N, C-alpha and C. Protein backbone atom coordinates (compact mmCIF):
# COMPACT_ATOMS: atom_id res chain seq x y z
N MET A 1 112.25 150.69 71.22
CA MET A 1 111.68 149.43 70.77
C MET A 1 110.86 148.54 71.84
N SER A 2 110.52 148.05 71.18
CA SER A 2 109.11 147.01 71.01
C SER A 2 109.75 145.81 72.02
N THR A 3 108.63 145.25 72.99
CA THR A 3 109.27 144.43 73.83
C THR A 3 108.66 143.44 73.17
N ASN A 4 107.51 143.39 72.32
CA ASN A 4 107.27 142.53 71.58
C ASN A 4 107.64 141.34 70.62
N PHE A 5 108.37 141.81 70.13
CA PHE A 5 108.64 141.14 68.61
C PHE A 5 108.58 140.02 68.72
N ARG A 6 108.08 139.49 67.61
CA ARG A 6 107.55 138.19 67.32
C ARG A 6 108.24 137.76 66.06
N SER A 7 108.97 136.73 65.93
CA SER A 7 110.67 136.75 64.13
C SER A 7 109.18 135.66 63.45
N ALA A 8 109.46 135.99 61.90
CA ALA A 8 108.08 135.94 61.78
C ALA A 8 108.64 134.09 61.00
N ASN A 9 110.15 133.80 61.57
CA ASN A 9 110.33 132.64 61.01
C ASN A 9 110.64 131.95 62.39
N ALA A 10 109.85 131.93 63.84
CA ALA A 10 110.47 131.39 64.69
C ALA A 10 109.99 129.40 64.51
N VAL A 11 110.71 129.00 64.63
CA VAL A 11 110.74 127.70 64.97
C VAL A 11 110.77 126.88 65.95
N THR A 12 109.13 125.94 66.41
CA THR A 12 108.94 125.04 67.72
C THR A 12 108.90 123.68 67.46
N GLY A 13 109.49 122.74 67.66
CA GLY A 13 109.32 121.50 68.13
C GLY A 13 107.56 120.48 68.42
N GLU A 14 107.33 120.15 67.46
CA GLU A 14 106.03 119.44 68.34
C GLU A 14 105.96 118.53 69.14
N VAL A 15 105.33 117.55 70.18
CA VAL A 15 106.22 116.51 70.89
C VAL A 15 104.81 114.89 70.26
N ASP A 16 105.27 114.67 68.96
CA ASP A 16 104.81 114.10 68.35
C ASP A 16 105.92 112.59 67.97
N GLY A 17 105.13 111.55 68.71
CA GLY A 17 106.40 110.67 68.37
C GLY A 17 106.00 109.47 67.19
N SER A 18 104.84 109.60 66.95
CA SER A 18 104.92 108.75 65.53
C SER A 18 106.14 108.67 63.94
N GLY A 19 106.39 107.18 64.37
CA GLY A 19 107.43 107.00 64.10
C GLY A 19 108.68 106.79 64.46
N VAL A 20 108.77 107.91 65.24
CA VAL A 20 110.33 108.40 66.23
C VAL A 20 111.16 106.91 66.92
N ARG A 21 111.66 106.81 66.89
CA ARG A 21 112.70 105.94 67.64
C ARG A 21 113.60 106.15 69.17
N ILE A 22 112.77 105.45 70.04
CA ILE A 22 113.88 106.26 70.74
C ILE A 22 114.35 105.23 72.10
N GLY A 23 115.48 104.98 72.51
CA GLY A 23 116.06 104.82 73.62
C GLY A 23 115.73 105.20 74.56
N LEU A 24 115.75 104.15 75.91
CA LEU A 24 116.25 104.71 76.75
C LEU A 24 117.13 104.05 78.05
N VAL A 25 117.58 104.85 78.31
CA VAL A 25 119.15 104.23 79.34
C VAL A 25 118.63 103.97 80.38
N LEU A 26 118.70 103.44 81.23
CA LEU A 26 118.93 103.39 82.85
C LEU A 26 119.91 102.56 84.10
N GLY A 27 119.92 103.57 84.44
CA GLY A 27 120.66 102.95 85.83
C GLY A 27 120.15 102.23 86.65
N ARG A 28 120.62 100.89 86.96
CA ARG A 28 120.78 100.05 87.79
C ARG A 28 120.67 100.12 89.34
N PHE A 29 121.19 101.27 89.62
CA PHE A 29 121.65 101.93 91.03
C PHE A 29 120.76 103.12 90.83
N ASN A 30 119.65 102.11 92.43
CA ASN A 30 118.40 102.83 93.28
C ASN A 30 117.14 103.30 91.73
N ASP A 31 117.38 101.35 91.79
CA ASP A 31 116.61 101.26 90.77
C ASP A 31 115.00 101.28 91.15
N HIS A 32 115.06 101.43 92.63
CA HIS A 32 113.46 101.41 93.35
C HIS A 32 113.09 102.96 93.26
N ILE A 33 113.71 103.92 92.25
CA ILE A 33 113.52 105.13 91.81
C ILE A 33 113.51 105.15 90.16
N THR A 34 113.89 104.26 89.05
CA THR A 34 114.72 104.53 88.87
C THR A 34 113.40 104.22 87.77
N GLU A 35 112.69 102.40 88.47
CA GLU A 35 111.53 101.63 87.98
C GLU A 35 110.52 103.08 88.45
N ARG A 36 110.10 103.90 88.55
CA ARG A 36 108.66 105.00 89.41
C ARG A 36 109.89 105.51 87.90
N LEU A 37 110.61 106.11 87.56
CA LEU A 37 110.53 107.41 86.08
C LEU A 37 110.79 106.28 84.62
N LEU A 38 110.24 105.25 84.80
CA LEU A 38 110.89 104.47 83.39
C LEU A 38 109.24 104.21 83.18
N GLU A 39 108.05 104.36 84.44
CA GLU A 39 107.06 103.68 84.28
C GLU A 39 106.58 105.08 83.77
N GLY A 40 107.05 106.14 83.80
CA GLY A 40 106.11 107.84 83.65
C GLY A 40 106.80 108.37 82.36
N ALA A 41 107.94 107.06 82.38
CA ALA A 41 108.91 107.26 79.98
C ALA A 41 107.85 106.18 79.45
N GLU A 42 107.45 105.15 79.85
CA GLU A 42 106.58 104.36 79.39
C GLU A 42 104.34 104.66 78.91
N ASN A 43 104.47 105.80 80.32
CA ASN A 43 103.48 106.28 79.70
C ASN A 43 103.57 107.42 78.47
N ALA A 44 104.42 108.17 78.62
CA ALA A 44 104.65 109.97 77.89
C ALA A 44 104.66 108.87 76.43
N LEU A 45 106.00 108.36 76.72
CA LEU A 45 106.31 107.55 74.92
C LEU A 45 104.23 106.70 74.73
N ALA A 46 103.51 106.06 75.56
CA ALA A 46 102.21 105.10 74.36
C ALA A 46 101.20 106.60 74.46
N VAL A 47 101.67 107.26 75.06
CA VAL A 47 100.63 108.63 74.99
C VAL A 47 101.30 109.43 74.04
N HIS A 48 101.82 110.13 73.55
CA HIS A 48 102.82 110.66 71.93
C HIS A 48 103.23 109.63 71.11
N GLY A 49 101.73 108.53 71.11
CA GLY A 49 102.48 108.36 70.04
C GLY A 49 103.54 107.12 69.92
N VAL A 50 104.57 106.77 70.59
CA VAL A 50 105.66 105.94 69.82
C VAL A 50 105.49 105.07 70.70
N ALA A 51 105.66 103.93 68.68
CA ALA A 51 105.28 102.08 69.36
C ALA A 51 106.13 101.77 70.13
N GLU A 52 106.07 100.52 70.68
CA GLU A 52 107.13 99.71 71.35
C GLU A 52 107.75 99.53 70.59
N ALA A 53 107.36 98.64 69.04
CA ALA A 53 108.70 98.22 68.26
C ALA A 53 109.53 99.63 67.68
N ASP A 54 109.29 100.79 68.28
CA ASP A 54 110.27 101.57 68.36
C ASP A 54 111.34 102.23 69.03
N VAL A 55 110.87 101.15 70.74
CA VAL A 55 111.24 102.06 71.76
C VAL A 55 112.56 100.65 72.56
N THR A 56 113.87 100.96 72.27
CA THR A 56 114.95 100.26 72.87
C THR A 56 115.21 101.08 74.62
N VAL A 57 115.26 99.69 75.44
CA VAL A 57 115.74 99.97 76.96
C VAL A 57 116.57 99.13 77.44
N VAL A 58 117.85 99.75 78.02
CA VAL A 58 119.31 99.26 78.11
C VAL A 58 119.03 100.08 79.65
N TRP A 59 119.62 98.59 80.28
CA TRP A 59 119.98 98.71 81.34
C TRP A 59 121.74 98.74 81.59
N VAL A 60 122.28 99.31 82.51
CA VAL A 60 122.97 100.12 82.56
C VAL A 60 123.49 99.86 83.95
N PRO A 61 125.00 99.73 84.82
CA PRO A 61 124.47 99.52 86.57
C PRO A 61 124.93 100.36 86.63
N GLY A 62 125.28 102.04 87.03
CA GLY A 62 124.44 103.16 87.23
C GLY A 62 124.48 104.27 86.37
N ALA A 63 124.25 105.80 87.29
CA ALA A 63 124.73 106.43 86.32
C ALA A 63 125.48 107.19 85.49
N PHE A 64 127.17 106.63 86.30
CA PHE A 64 127.84 106.73 85.63
C PHE A 64 128.73 106.31 83.46
N GLU A 65 127.89 104.83 83.82
CA GLU A 65 127.98 104.23 82.81
C GLU A 65 127.01 105.04 82.21
N ILE A 66 125.67 106.17 81.84
CA ILE A 66 124.52 106.27 80.99
C ILE A 66 125.24 106.25 79.88
N PRO A 67 126.13 107.82 80.05
CA PRO A 67 126.73 107.98 78.46
C PRO A 67 127.72 107.07 77.81
N LEU A 68 127.81 106.14 77.89
CA LEU A 68 128.32 105.24 77.33
C LEU A 68 127.49 104.05 76.14
N ALA A 69 126.50 103.92 77.17
CA ALA A 69 125.51 103.46 75.99
C ALA A 69 124.56 104.14 75.15
N ALA A 70 124.29 105.76 75.54
CA ALA A 70 124.13 106.58 75.32
C ALA A 70 124.36 106.74 74.40
N LYS A 71 125.24 106.86 73.44
CA LYS A 71 126.44 107.00 72.53
C LYS A 71 126.14 106.19 71.78
N ALA A 72 126.29 104.60 72.10
CA ALA A 72 126.14 103.39 71.07
C ALA A 72 125.18 103.07 70.77
N LEU A 73 124.55 103.59 71.75
CA LEU A 73 122.25 103.73 70.88
C LEU A 73 122.49 104.66 69.89
N VAL A 74 123.32 106.00 69.84
CA VAL A 74 123.18 106.86 68.59
C VAL A 74 123.90 106.43 67.58
N VAL A 75 125.26 105.90 68.30
CA VAL A 75 126.35 105.73 66.84
C VAL A 75 125.99 104.02 66.23
N HIS A 76 125.50 103.71 66.58
CA HIS A 76 125.07 102.10 65.61
C HIS A 76 123.49 102.66 65.23
N GLY A 77 122.96 103.40 65.12
CA GLY A 77 122.01 103.95 64.89
C GLY A 77 120.65 103.65 65.25
N HIS A 78 120.42 102.78 66.02
CA HIS A 78 118.80 102.32 66.16
C HIS A 78 117.85 103.75 66.58
N VAL A 79 118.41 104.80 67.38
CA VAL A 79 117.49 105.90 67.85
C VAL A 79 117.90 107.25 66.98
N ASP A 80 116.40 107.65 67.35
CA ASP A 80 116.31 109.15 66.87
C ASP A 80 116.68 109.83 68.15
N ALA A 81 116.50 110.02 69.23
CA ALA A 81 116.91 110.04 70.38
C ALA A 81 117.06 109.24 71.62
N VAL A 82 117.68 109.50 72.22
CA VAL A 82 118.10 108.65 73.65
C VAL A 82 117.03 109.51 75.01
N VAL A 83 116.40 109.30 75.61
CA VAL A 83 116.71 109.61 76.97
C VAL A 83 117.24 108.73 78.09
N CYS A 84 118.46 109.01 79.48
CA CYS A 84 118.35 108.63 79.85
C CYS A 84 118.23 108.87 81.58
N LEU A 85 118.00 107.97 82.75
CA LEU A 85 117.19 107.84 83.24
C LEU A 85 117.47 107.01 84.27
N GLY A 86 117.98 108.08 85.06
CA GLY A 86 119.34 107.58 87.14
C GLY A 86 118.57 108.04 87.72
N ALA A 87 118.72 107.72 88.76
CA ALA A 87 119.17 108.73 90.38
C ALA A 87 120.53 108.35 91.59
N VAL A 88 121.09 109.80 91.41
CA VAL A 88 122.34 110.05 91.82
C VAL A 88 121.29 110.51 93.66
N ILE A 89 121.59 109.92 94.28
CA ILE A 89 121.23 110.93 95.54
C ILE A 89 122.54 111.14 96.81
N ARG A 90 122.31 112.35 96.95
CA ARG A 90 123.52 112.52 97.60
C ARG A 90 123.77 111.40 99.04
N GLY A 91 125.07 111.46 99.19
CA GLY A 91 124.75 110.61 100.51
C GLY A 91 126.14 110.43 101.29
N GLU A 92 126.83 110.88 102.43
CA GLU A 92 127.93 111.17 102.93
C GLU A 92 129.20 111.66 103.05
N THR A 93 129.61 110.85 101.73
CA THR A 93 130.89 111.04 100.60
C THR A 93 130.73 111.85 99.57
N SER A 94 131.30 112.42 99.11
CA SER A 94 131.90 113.23 98.06
C SER A 94 131.43 112.50 96.17
N HIS A 95 131.62 110.79 96.66
CA HIS A 95 131.02 110.62 95.38
C HIS A 95 129.94 110.32 94.56
N TYR A 96 128.59 111.75 95.95
CA TYR A 96 127.56 111.73 94.14
C TYR A 96 128.05 113.06 93.78
N ASP A 97 129.39 114.12 93.56
CA ASP A 97 130.06 115.01 93.51
C ASP A 97 130.20 114.53 92.11
N PHE A 98 130.97 113.78 92.14
CA PHE A 98 132.02 112.93 90.89
C PHE A 98 130.54 112.41 89.73
N VAL A 99 129.76 111.46 90.62
CA VAL A 99 129.35 110.52 89.85
C VAL A 99 128.07 111.39 88.92
N ALA A 100 127.08 112.73 89.73
CA ALA A 100 126.32 113.51 88.72
C ALA A 100 126.97 114.41 88.16
N GLY A 101 127.47 115.07 88.36
CA GLY A 101 128.54 115.74 87.33
C GLY A 101 128.98 115.24 86.12
N GLU A 102 129.54 114.08 86.78
CA GLU A 102 130.32 113.46 85.59
C GLU A 102 129.67 112.44 84.19
N CYS A 103 128.20 112.31 84.80
CA CYS A 103 126.97 111.95 84.17
C CYS A 103 126.41 113.06 83.22
N ALA A 104 126.32 114.19 83.96
CA ALA A 104 125.68 114.97 82.76
C ALA A 104 126.34 115.54 81.88
N ARG A 105 127.78 116.12 82.33
CA ARG A 105 128.58 116.24 80.95
C ARG A 105 128.84 115.50 79.91
N GLY A 106 128.86 114.08 80.42
CA GLY A 106 129.00 112.96 79.25
C GLY A 106 127.76 112.93 78.35
N ILE A 107 126.31 113.02 79.13
CA ILE A 107 125.12 112.75 78.44
C ILE A 107 125.13 114.04 77.63
N GLN A 108 125.72 115.49 78.18
CA GLN A 108 125.71 116.75 76.48
C GLN A 108 127.36 116.37 76.23
N ASP A 109 127.34 115.53 76.53
CA ASP A 109 128.64 115.22 75.46
C ASP A 109 128.36 114.78 73.93
N VAL A 110 127.78 113.86 74.84
CA VAL A 110 127.27 112.39 73.05
C VAL A 110 125.81 113.42 72.28
N GLN A 111 125.14 114.10 73.35
CA GLN A 111 124.77 114.64 72.15
C GLN A 111 125.15 115.85 71.12
N LEU A 112 126.26 116.40 71.79
CA LEU A 112 126.97 117.59 71.11
C LEU A 112 127.70 117.18 69.96
N GLU A 113 128.49 115.59 70.71
CA GLU A 113 128.95 114.97 69.52
C GLU A 113 128.24 114.64 68.40
N THR A 114 126.50 114.09 68.31
CA THR A 114 126.44 113.18 67.22
C THR A 114 124.85 114.05 66.61
N GLY A 115 124.91 114.96 67.60
CA GLY A 115 123.85 116.37 67.15
C GLY A 115 121.83 115.36 67.27
N VAL A 116 122.67 114.73 68.23
CA VAL A 116 120.56 113.38 67.95
C VAL A 116 120.74 114.24 69.47
N PRO A 117 119.46 114.24 70.04
CA PRO A 117 118.63 114.39 71.05
C PRO A 117 119.62 113.67 72.14
N VAL A 118 120.27 113.45 73.45
CA VAL A 118 119.71 112.58 74.58
C VAL A 118 119.36 113.72 75.37
N VAL A 119 119.11 113.32 76.30
CA VAL A 119 117.96 113.73 77.28
C VAL A 119 118.33 113.41 78.90
N PHE A 120 119.00 114.87 79.66
CA PHE A 120 119.29 114.32 80.28
C PHE A 120 118.37 114.17 82.08
N GLY A 121 117.83 113.26 81.93
CA GLY A 121 116.61 112.30 82.83
C GLY A 121 116.77 111.93 84.58
N VAL A 122 118.38 112.19 84.52
CA VAL A 122 119.38 111.67 86.31
C VAL A 122 118.56 112.82 87.33
N LEU A 123 117.89 112.17 87.91
CA LEU A 123 117.61 112.88 89.51
C LEU A 123 118.38 113.13 89.92
N THR A 124 119.55 113.92 90.94
CA THR A 124 120.40 114.53 91.53
C THR A 124 120.04 114.45 92.30
N THR A 125 119.45 114.25 93.76
CA THR A 125 118.76 115.11 94.64
C THR A 125 119.50 114.53 95.84
N GLU A 126 119.27 116.10 96.74
CA GLU A 126 120.02 115.64 98.53
C GLU A 126 119.35 114.46 98.91
N ASN A 127 117.95 113.50 98.71
CA ASN A 127 118.03 112.25 100.15
C ASN A 127 116.24 112.49 98.84
N LEU A 128 116.09 110.88 99.50
CA LEU A 128 115.54 109.89 98.78
C LEU A 128 114.18 110.58 98.92
N GLU A 129 113.66 111.56 99.82
CA GLU A 129 112.36 111.78 99.79
C GLU A 129 112.29 113.06 98.95
N GLN A 130 113.61 113.69 97.65
CA GLN A 130 112.80 113.97 96.90
C GLN A 130 113.63 113.85 95.78
N ALA A 131 113.50 112.64 95.70
CA ALA A 131 113.47 111.63 94.28
C ALA A 131 112.32 110.79 94.25
N LEU A 132 111.68 110.90 95.28
CA LEU A 132 110.05 109.68 94.99
C LEU A 132 109.90 110.76 94.53
N ALA A 133 109.52 112.24 94.89
CA ALA A 133 108.82 113.31 94.33
C ALA A 133 108.83 113.88 92.89
N ARG A 134 109.62 112.94 92.35
CA ARG A 134 109.91 113.89 91.04
C ARG A 134 110.09 112.55 90.30
N SER A 135 109.39 111.46 91.03
CA SER A 135 109.11 109.67 90.31
C SER A 135 108.34 109.15 90.48
N ALA A 136 107.13 110.08 91.07
CA ALA A 136 105.93 110.37 91.38
C ALA A 136 104.68 110.65 90.06
N GLU A 137 103.72 110.12 90.56
CA GLU A 137 102.39 109.58 89.82
C GLU A 137 102.60 111.28 88.51
N ASP A 138 101.65 111.95 89.83
CA ASP A 138 101.60 113.01 89.26
C ASP A 138 102.70 113.98 88.98
N ASP A 139 104.06 114.24 89.75
CA ASP A 139 105.22 114.99 88.37
C ASP A 139 106.64 113.66 88.51
N ASN A 140 106.63 113.86 87.05
CA ASN A 140 107.53 112.41 87.24
C ASN A 140 108.33 112.83 86.02
N LYS A 141 109.57 113.30 86.49
CA LYS A 141 110.63 113.60 85.25
C LYS A 141 110.69 112.52 84.15
N GLY A 142 110.40 110.86 84.14
CA GLY A 142 110.72 110.56 83.12
C GLY A 142 109.49 110.53 82.17
N GLU A 143 108.49 111.19 82.25
CA GLU A 143 107.28 111.43 81.66
C GLU A 143 108.11 112.97 80.89
N GLU A 144 107.98 113.26 82.04
CA GLU A 144 109.02 115.07 81.20
C GLU A 144 110.33 114.62 79.83
N SER A 145 111.41 113.77 80.77
CA SER A 145 112.13 113.67 79.43
C SER A 145 111.64 112.74 77.91
N VAL A 146 110.92 112.47 78.36
CA VAL A 146 110.18 112.18 76.58
C VAL A 146 109.95 112.84 76.12
N ARG A 147 109.21 113.89 76.65
CA ARG A 147 108.34 114.79 76.18
C ARG A 147 109.03 115.94 74.78
N THR A 148 110.33 115.79 76.11
CA THR A 148 111.45 116.93 75.36
C THR A 148 112.29 115.80 74.37
N ALA A 149 112.59 115.14 74.98
CA ALA A 149 113.27 114.42 73.71
C ALA A 149 112.54 114.34 72.36
N LEU A 150 110.93 114.09 71.99
CA LEU A 150 110.04 114.08 70.87
C LEU A 150 110.04 115.68 70.43
N GLU A 151 109.45 116.27 71.27
CA GLU A 151 110.50 117.66 71.04
C GLU A 151 111.56 118.21 70.66
N MET A 152 112.91 117.56 71.16
CA MET A 152 113.85 118.23 69.65
C MET A 152 113.68 117.20 68.78
N VAL A 153 113.54 116.31 68.82
CA VAL A 153 113.43 115.76 67.84
C VAL A 153 112.93 115.98 66.31
N SER A 154 111.40 116.75 67.06
CA SER A 154 110.65 118.04 65.98
C SER A 154 111.78 118.13 65.85
N LEU A 155 112.24 119.16 66.31
CA LEU A 155 112.82 120.89 66.57
C LEU A 155 113.76 120.11 65.30
N LEU A 156 114.95 119.04 65.40
CA LEU A 156 116.02 119.38 64.57
C LEU A 156 115.74 119.26 63.17
N GLY A 157 114.01 117.96 63.03
CA GLY A 157 113.70 117.53 61.82
C GLY A 157 112.95 118.71 60.43
N GLN A 158 112.89 119.70 62.12
CA GLN A 158 112.72 121.06 61.54
C GLN A 158 113.59 121.61 60.63
N LEU A 159 114.54 122.05 61.39
CA LEU A 159 115.60 122.45 61.47
C LEU A 159 117.29 122.16 60.34
N GLY A 160 116.99 121.11 59.92
CA GLY A 160 117.33 120.40 59.21
C GLY A 160 119.02 119.24 59.21
N SER A 161 119.24 119.22 60.69
CA SER A 161 119.74 118.68 61.15
C SER A 161 119.90 117.07 61.16
């Protein structure tokens, strides 16, 4: 059996933001990190051709509230994709486990319920140093999340969803 099988029907998405409407939902809690993620996201939006007029930015109190705002953007037809950005940093209590897990689950639920890409760009780190590293200029999860959203919009468009 060949291990080099290539389907003639392979579908891949493009990272092209022309005409794509993007929502950014940001958690204010740990905003010193979220602001850095926003900068990265804005850079990626510009590089990949998303017009400023096609970007909606929504701030919510924290990561736990992100899924609801993401769903509102999708349900009311404001966007073709949502990028969710925030930072949940482990502390001394179990609060981290509840917030990080429920935020992730909520974001996944929104995209599965609506068929619209909703990208999990919320950092879940053990400490501040890890959060700073993942929101740096040279490795910014905000940038990466925008690219993911644009690729998924393209992919789903090709699949006819």
